[in-house]
N, C-alpha and C. Protein backbone atom coordinates (compact mmCIF):
# COMPACT_ATOMS: atom_id res chain seq x y z
N MET A 1 20.96 -0.83 60.30
CA MET A 1 19.69 -0.15 60.22
C MET A 1 18.66 -1.02 59.50
N ILE A 2 19.08 -1.72 58.45
CA ILE A 2 18.15 -2.56 57.69
C ILE A 2 17.57 -3.66 58.57
N ASP A 3 18.43 -4.32 59.35
CA ASP A 3 17.95 -5.39 60.23
C ASP A 3 16.98 -4.86 61.29
N GLN A 4 17.22 -3.65 61.78
CA GLN A 4 16.32 -3.06 62.76
C GLN A 4 14.95 -2.78 62.15
N ILE A 5 14.94 -2.30 60.91
CA ILE A 5 13.67 -2.02 60.25
C ILE A 5 12.93 -3.33 59.98
N ILE A 6 13.64 -4.36 59.52
CA ILE A 6 13.01 -5.66 59.27
C ILE A 6 12.43 -6.21 60.57
N THR A 7 13.16 -6.10 61.66
CA THR A 7 12.66 -6.57 62.96
C THR A 7 11.40 -5.81 63.36
N GLY A 8 11.40 -4.48 63.17
CA GLY A 8 10.22 -3.68 63.49
C GLY A 8 9.03 -4.06 62.63
N MET A 9 9.26 -4.28 61.34
CA MET A 9 8.17 -4.68 60.44
C MET A 9 7.64 -6.06 60.83
N ALA A 10 8.55 -6.99 61.12
CA ALA A 10 8.15 -8.36 61.49
C ALA A 10 7.36 -8.37 62.79
N THR A 11 7.76 -7.57 63.75
CA THR A 11 7.05 -7.49 65.03
C THR A 11 5.64 -6.94 64.83
N MET A 12 5.53 -5.90 64.01
CA MET A 12 4.23 -5.31 63.74
C MET A 12 3.31 -6.30 63.03
N ILE A 13 3.82 -6.99 62.00
CA ILE A 13 3.01 -7.96 61.25
C ILE A 13 2.62 -9.14 62.13
N ALA A 14 3.55 -9.62 62.95
CA ALA A 14 3.25 -10.74 63.86
C ALA A 14 2.17 -10.34 64.87
N GLY A 15 2.15 -9.08 65.27
CA GLY A 15 1.10 -8.62 66.17
C GLY A 15 -0.27 -8.56 65.50
N LEU A 16 -0.28 -8.19 64.22
CA LEU A 16 -1.53 -8.13 63.47
C LEU A 16 -2.06 -9.51 63.09
N TYR A 17 -1.13 -10.41 62.80
CA TYR A 17 -1.50 -11.75 62.32
C TYR A 17 -0.80 -12.82 63.17
N PRO A 18 -1.27 -13.06 64.38
CA PRO A 18 -0.57 -13.99 65.28
C PRO A 18 -0.57 -15.45 64.79
N ASP A 19 -1.49 -15.81 63.90
CA ASP A 19 -1.53 -17.18 63.39
C ASP A 19 -0.68 -17.38 62.14
N SER A 20 -0.01 -16.34 61.69
CA SER A 20 0.84 -16.42 60.49
C SER A 20 2.30 -16.47 60.89
N THR A 21 3.11 -16.99 59.98
CA THR A 21 4.56 -17.02 60.17
C THR A 21 5.16 -15.86 59.39
N VAL A 22 6.12 -15.16 60.00
CA VAL A 22 6.81 -14.06 59.34
C VAL A 22 8.25 -14.49 59.11
N TYR A 23 8.64 -14.56 57.84
CA TYR A 23 9.99 -14.98 57.47
C TYR A 23 10.82 -13.74 57.11
N THR A 24 12.07 -13.74 57.56
CA THR A 24 12.99 -12.67 57.20
C THR A 24 14.16 -13.20 56.39
N GLU A 25 14.17 -14.48 56.15
CA GLU A 25 15.17 -15.14 55.31
C GLU A 25 14.44 -15.88 54.20
N PRO A 26 15.06 -16.04 53.02
CA PRO A 26 14.38 -16.77 51.94
C PRO A 26 14.01 -18.20 52.36
N ILE A 27 12.85 -18.66 51.89
CA ILE A 27 12.35 -19.99 52.22
C ILE A 27 12.35 -20.84 50.96
N GLU A 28 13.01 -21.97 50.99
CA GLU A 28 13.02 -22.83 49.81
C GLU A 28 11.99 -23.94 49.93
N GLN A 29 11.76 -24.44 51.14
CA GLN A 29 10.79 -25.51 51.35
C GLN A 29 10.11 -25.32 52.69
N GLY A 30 8.90 -25.88 52.80
CA GLY A 30 8.22 -25.90 54.08
C GLY A 30 7.44 -24.66 54.43
N LEU A 31 7.11 -23.82 53.46
CA LEU A 31 6.31 -22.62 53.71
C LEU A 31 4.90 -23.03 54.13
N VAL A 32 4.47 -22.52 55.26
CA VAL A 32 3.12 -22.79 55.75
C VAL A 32 2.31 -21.51 55.60
N GLU A 33 1.22 -21.58 54.84
CA GLU A 33 0.38 -20.41 54.61
C GLU A 33 -0.67 -20.29 55.68
N PRO A 34 -1.10 -19.12 56.07
CA PRO A 34 -0.66 -17.82 55.61
C PRO A 34 0.72 -17.45 56.18
N ALA A 35 1.47 -16.73 55.38
CA ALA A 35 2.83 -16.35 55.79
C ALA A 35 3.23 -15.05 55.12
N PHE A 36 4.27 -14.43 55.67
CA PHE A 36 4.83 -13.20 55.14
C PHE A 36 6.33 -13.37 54.98
N TYR A 37 6.87 -12.72 53.96
CA TYR A 37 8.32 -12.70 53.76
C TYR A 37 8.72 -11.24 53.57
N ILE A 38 9.67 -10.75 54.38
CA ILE A 38 10.11 -9.36 54.34
C ILE A 38 11.56 -9.32 53.87
N HIS A 39 11.84 -8.44 52.91
CA HIS A 39 13.24 -8.26 52.50
C HIS A 39 13.46 -6.85 51.96
N CYS A 40 14.70 -6.41 52.06
CA CYS A 40 15.10 -5.10 51.56
C CYS A 40 15.48 -5.27 50.09
N ILE A 41 14.92 -4.43 49.24
CA ILE A 41 15.17 -4.55 47.81
C ILE A 41 16.51 -3.92 47.43
N ASP A 42 16.80 -2.77 48.00
CA ASP A 42 17.94 -1.99 47.56
C ASP A 42 18.25 -0.95 48.63
N VAL A 43 19.43 -0.36 48.59
CA VAL A 43 19.75 0.76 49.47
C VAL A 43 20.38 1.84 48.61
N ASP A 44 19.87 3.05 48.75
CA ASP A 44 20.36 4.17 47.97
C ASP A 44 20.85 5.23 48.95
N GLN A 45 22.00 5.81 48.67
CA GLN A 45 22.55 6.85 49.55
C GLN A 45 22.63 8.16 48.78
N ARG A 46 22.03 9.20 49.35
CA ARG A 46 22.10 10.54 48.76
C ARG A 46 22.87 11.44 49.73
N ASP A 47 23.89 12.10 49.22
CA ASP A 47 24.71 12.97 50.05
C ASP A 47 24.00 14.29 50.30
N ARG A 48 24.22 14.81 51.50
CA ARG A 48 23.76 16.14 51.89
C ARG A 48 25.00 16.91 52.35
N ILE A 49 24.84 18.10 52.85
CA ILE A 49 25.98 18.91 53.26
C ILE A 49 26.46 18.52 54.66
N ALA A 50 27.71 18.88 54.95
CA ALA A 50 28.33 18.78 56.28
C ALA A 50 28.31 17.36 56.84
N GLY A 51 28.67 16.38 56.03
CA GLY A 51 28.79 15.00 56.52
C GLY A 51 27.46 14.28 56.70
N ARG A 52 26.39 14.86 56.21
CA ARG A 52 25.08 14.23 56.34
C ARG A 52 24.72 13.53 55.03
N PHE A 53 23.92 12.48 55.16
CA PHE A 53 23.42 11.79 53.99
C PHE A 53 22.13 11.08 54.33
N VAL A 54 21.40 10.67 53.33
CA VAL A 54 20.12 10.00 53.50
C VAL A 54 20.21 8.60 52.90
N HIS A 55 19.88 7.60 53.69
CA HIS A 55 19.74 6.24 53.18
C HIS A 55 18.28 6.03 52.84
N SER A 56 18.00 5.66 51.61
CA SER A 56 16.65 5.33 51.18
C SER A 56 16.60 3.81 51.01
N MET A 57 15.71 3.16 51.78
CA MET A 57 15.67 1.69 51.82
C MET A 57 14.28 1.19 51.45
N PRO A 58 14.09 0.76 50.19
CA PRO A 58 12.80 0.17 49.81
C PRO A 58 12.71 -1.29 50.25
N PHE A 59 11.57 -1.65 50.81
CA PHE A 59 11.33 -3.02 51.27
C PHE A 59 10.14 -3.60 50.53
N GLU A 60 10.11 -4.92 50.49
CA GLU A 60 8.97 -5.63 49.95
C GLU A 60 8.49 -6.63 50.99
N VAL A 61 7.19 -6.64 51.21
CA VAL A 61 6.56 -7.64 52.06
C VAL A 61 5.71 -8.50 51.13
N VAL A 62 6.01 -9.80 51.09
CA VAL A 62 5.24 -10.72 50.26
C VAL A 62 4.29 -11.47 51.18
N TYR A 63 3.01 -11.43 50.84
CA TYR A 63 1.98 -12.10 51.63
C TYR A 63 1.52 -13.35 50.87
N PHE A 64 1.69 -14.50 51.50
CA PHE A 64 1.27 -15.78 50.95
C PHE A 64 -0.07 -16.13 51.60
N PRO A 65 -1.20 -15.90 50.89
CA PRO A 65 -2.51 -16.07 51.51
C PRO A 65 -2.92 -17.53 51.62
N GLU A 66 -3.86 -17.75 52.50
CA GLU A 66 -4.41 -19.08 52.67
C GLU A 66 -5.59 -19.30 51.72
N ASN A 67 -6.33 -18.21 51.43
CA ASN A 67 -7.56 -18.34 50.65
C ASN A 67 -7.57 -17.55 49.36
N GLY A 68 -6.45 -17.35 48.73
CA GLY A 68 -6.40 -16.73 47.41
C GLY A 68 -6.61 -15.24 47.37
N LEU A 69 -7.13 -14.78 46.23
CA LEU A 69 -7.24 -13.36 45.93
C LEU A 69 -8.14 -12.60 46.91
N SER A 70 -9.22 -13.21 47.37
CA SER A 70 -10.10 -12.52 48.32
C SER A 70 -9.37 -12.23 49.63
N ASP A 71 -8.50 -13.13 50.04
CA ASP A 71 -7.68 -12.94 51.24
C ASP A 71 -6.69 -11.79 51.04
N ILE A 72 -6.09 -11.73 49.86
CA ILE A 72 -5.16 -10.64 49.55
C ILE A 72 -5.89 -9.31 49.57
N ASN A 73 -7.03 -9.24 48.89
CA ASN A 73 -7.79 -7.98 48.83
C ASN A 73 -8.26 -7.51 50.20
N ALA A 74 -8.54 -8.43 51.10
CA ALA A 74 -8.98 -8.05 52.45
C ALA A 74 -7.81 -7.54 53.29
N ASN A 75 -6.62 -8.06 53.07
CA ASN A 75 -5.49 -7.74 53.94
C ASN A 75 -4.56 -6.64 53.42
N LEU A 76 -4.58 -6.35 52.12
CA LEU A 76 -3.72 -5.28 51.60
C LEU A 76 -3.98 -3.93 52.27
N PRO A 77 -5.23 -3.47 52.42
CA PRO A 77 -5.45 -2.17 53.08
C PRO A 77 -4.95 -2.15 54.53
N ILE A 78 -5.07 -3.26 55.23
CA ILE A 78 -4.61 -3.33 56.63
C ILE A 78 -3.09 -3.19 56.68
N LEU A 79 -2.40 -3.90 55.81
CA LEU A 79 -0.94 -3.84 55.78
C LEU A 79 -0.45 -2.46 55.34
N LEU A 80 -1.07 -1.89 54.32
CA LEU A 80 -0.66 -0.56 53.85
C LEU A 80 -0.79 0.48 54.96
N ALA A 81 -1.88 0.43 55.71
CA ALA A 81 -2.10 1.39 56.79
C ALA A 81 -1.09 1.21 57.92
N ASN A 82 -0.76 -0.03 58.25
CA ASN A 82 0.11 -0.28 59.40
C ASN A 82 1.59 -0.16 59.09
N LEU A 83 1.98 -0.21 57.84
CA LEU A 83 3.39 -0.04 57.49
C LEU A 83 3.79 1.43 57.35
N ARG A 84 2.84 2.34 57.55
CA ARG A 84 3.16 3.78 57.47
C ARG A 84 4.16 4.19 58.54
N THR A 85 4.05 3.62 59.73
CA THR A 85 4.97 3.91 60.83
C THR A 85 5.36 2.60 61.49
N VAL A 86 6.66 2.38 61.63
CA VAL A 86 7.17 1.15 62.24
C VAL A 86 8.05 1.52 63.42
N SER A 87 7.88 0.81 64.53
CA SER A 87 8.74 1.02 65.71
C SER A 87 9.95 0.10 65.62
N LEU A 88 11.12 0.69 65.73
CA LEU A 88 12.37 -0.10 65.73
C LEU A 88 12.57 -0.71 67.11
N PRO A 89 13.47 -1.70 67.23
CA PRO A 89 13.68 -2.35 68.53
C PRO A 89 14.06 -1.38 69.66
N ASP A 90 14.74 -0.27 69.35
CA ASP A 90 15.13 0.68 70.40
C ASP A 90 14.01 1.68 70.74
N GLY A 91 12.84 1.53 70.10
CA GLY A 91 11.71 2.40 70.38
C GLY A 91 11.56 3.55 69.40
N THR A 92 12.57 3.80 68.59
CA THR A 92 12.49 4.85 67.58
C THR A 92 11.43 4.49 66.54
N LYS A 93 10.69 5.48 66.09
CA LYS A 93 9.70 5.24 65.05
C LYS A 93 10.23 5.79 63.74
N ILE A 94 9.96 5.05 62.66
CA ILE A 94 10.39 5.46 61.33
C ILE A 94 9.16 5.44 60.43
N ARG A 95 9.06 6.45 59.59
CA ARG A 95 7.88 6.62 58.75
C ARG A 95 8.13 6.09 57.35
N GLY A 96 7.18 5.32 56.84
CA GLY A 96 7.26 4.78 55.49
C GLY A 96 6.69 5.75 54.47
N ILE A 97 7.31 5.78 53.30
CA ILE A 97 6.82 6.60 52.20
C ILE A 97 6.66 5.70 50.98
N GLU A 98 6.02 6.21 49.96
CA GLU A 98 5.84 5.47 48.70
C GLU A 98 5.30 4.07 48.96
N ILE A 99 4.19 3.99 49.69
CA ILE A 99 3.61 2.71 50.06
C ILE A 99 2.61 2.29 49.00
N SER A 100 2.76 1.05 48.51
CA SER A 100 1.80 0.54 47.53
C SER A 100 1.72 -0.97 47.66
N GLY A 101 0.68 -1.54 47.10
CA GLY A 101 0.52 -2.98 47.15
C GLY A 101 -0.34 -3.48 46.01
N LYS A 102 -0.12 -4.72 45.61
CA LYS A 102 -0.92 -5.32 44.55
C LYS A 102 -0.74 -6.82 44.56
N PRO A 103 -1.74 -7.54 44.06
CA PRO A 103 -1.59 -8.98 43.92
C PRO A 103 -0.78 -9.31 42.66
N ILE A 104 0.17 -10.22 42.80
CA ILE A 104 0.97 -10.69 41.67
C ILE A 104 1.08 -12.20 41.79
N ASP A 105 0.61 -12.92 40.78
CA ASP A 105 0.72 -14.38 40.73
C ASP A 105 0.21 -15.07 41.99
N GLY A 106 -0.90 -14.62 42.52
CA GLY A 106 -1.51 -15.27 43.68
C GLY A 106 -0.89 -14.92 45.02
N GLU A 107 -0.04 -13.90 45.04
CA GLU A 107 0.57 -13.44 46.28
C GLU A 107 0.33 -11.93 46.39
N GLY A 108 0.29 -11.43 47.62
CA GLY A 108 0.17 -9.99 47.83
C GLY A 108 1.56 -9.39 47.99
N HIS A 109 1.85 -8.34 47.23
CA HIS A 109 3.16 -7.68 47.31
C HIS A 109 2.95 -6.25 47.78
N ILE A 110 3.59 -5.91 48.88
CA ILE A 110 3.49 -4.58 49.45
C ILE A 110 4.89 -3.96 49.39
N PHE A 111 4.96 -2.75 48.86
CA PHE A 111 6.23 -2.04 48.72
C PHE A 111 6.19 -0.79 49.59
N VAL A 112 7.24 -0.58 50.37
CA VAL A 112 7.33 0.60 51.23
C VAL A 112 8.80 1.01 51.33
N THR A 113 9.03 2.32 51.35
CA THR A 113 10.38 2.85 51.45
C THR A 113 10.52 3.60 52.76
N TYR A 114 11.63 3.36 53.45
CA TYR A 114 11.96 4.08 54.67
C TYR A 114 13.24 4.87 54.43
N ASP A 115 13.20 6.17 54.73
CA ASP A 115 14.37 7.03 54.61
C ASP A 115 14.94 7.31 55.99
N ALA A 116 16.26 7.26 56.10
CA ALA A 116 16.92 7.57 57.37
C ALA A 116 18.01 8.61 57.10
N SER A 117 17.95 9.73 57.83
CA SER A 117 19.00 10.75 57.73
C SER A 117 20.11 10.39 58.70
N LEU A 118 21.32 10.33 58.20
CA LEU A 118 22.46 9.93 59.02
C LEU A 118 23.54 11.00 58.96
N TYR A 119 24.43 10.95 59.94
CA TYR A 119 25.50 11.93 60.06
C TYR A 119 26.78 11.21 60.41
N ILE A 120 27.85 11.53 59.69
CA ILE A 120 29.17 10.97 60.00
C ILE A 120 29.98 12.04 60.70
N GLN A 121 30.42 11.72 61.91
CA GLN A 121 31.24 12.65 62.68
C GLN A 121 32.64 12.68 62.05
N GLY A 122 33.07 13.84 61.64
CA GLY A 122 34.39 13.99 61.05
C GLY A 122 35.47 14.05 62.13
N PRO A 123 36.73 14.10 61.71
CA PRO A 123 37.81 14.19 62.69
C PRO A 123 37.74 15.51 63.46
N ALA A 124 38.26 15.47 64.69
CA ALA A 124 38.26 16.67 65.52
C ALA A 124 39.12 17.74 64.88
N VAL A 125 38.63 18.94 64.86
CA VAL A 125 39.35 20.06 64.27
C VAL A 125 39.90 20.92 65.40
N ALA A 126 41.16 21.32 65.26
CA ALA A 126 41.76 22.18 66.28
C ALA A 126 41.02 23.51 66.31
N LYS A 127 40.70 23.94 67.50
CA LYS A 127 39.96 25.19 67.64
C LYS A 127 40.86 26.27 68.23
N MET A 128 40.52 27.51 67.96
CA MET A 128 41.28 28.63 68.48
C MET A 128 41.11 28.67 70.00
N GLN A 129 42.19 28.86 70.71
CA GLN A 129 42.14 28.84 72.17
C GLN A 129 41.58 30.15 72.73
N THR A 130 42.26 31.26 72.47
CA THR A 130 41.79 32.56 72.97
C THR A 130 42.04 33.62 71.92
N ILE A 131 41.34 34.69 72.06
CA ILE A 131 41.53 35.83 71.17
C ILE A 131 41.28 37.10 71.99
N GLU A 132 42.07 38.12 71.75
CA GLU A 132 41.88 39.40 72.41
C GLU A 132 41.58 40.45 71.36
N ILE A 133 40.59 41.24 71.63
CA ILE A 133 40.24 42.32 70.70
C ILE A 133 40.34 43.63 71.48
N THR A 134 41.07 44.55 70.93
CA THR A 134 41.24 45.85 71.56
C THR A 134 40.66 46.91 70.63
N GLU A 135 39.83 47.79 71.19
CA GLU A 135 39.22 48.85 70.41
C GLU A 135 39.80 50.18 70.85
N ARG A 136 40.05 51.03 69.93
CA ARG A 136 40.52 52.37 70.23
C ARG A 136 39.73 53.37 69.40
N ILE A 137 39.37 54.46 70.02
CA ILE A 137 38.64 55.51 69.32
C ILE A 137 39.54 56.71 69.18
N LYS A 138 39.63 57.27 68.00
CA LYS A 138 40.45 58.47 67.77
C LYS A 138 39.62 59.69 67.69
């Protein structure tokens, strides 16, 4: 699920910024600005009833601007608005929550969390085959 969300985010950002490079793996050398780096910060699982649970997946998008702080300030609102809903590779849409962004050390940092409700199918349970009910009135 994480890779699908990263792919959806990368596709959306690449569509908005066709002249930028979108990285999904850490870059040690050769970063060409403007560029974006997407990664999942953490995964949290909350249990629900009947084999259901929620995966909460916070992501960070780091924007490496070409022209400094003015570039970050111009692009943060665009990214925040477009990360609200992301299309996954299979066409499913997932909604982002807790979206925020700020400049840190000359880079734009955008934080967004995607929640996914999941269900684990348990083992098959034997079911009653037939039942007969007879009513009598006295």
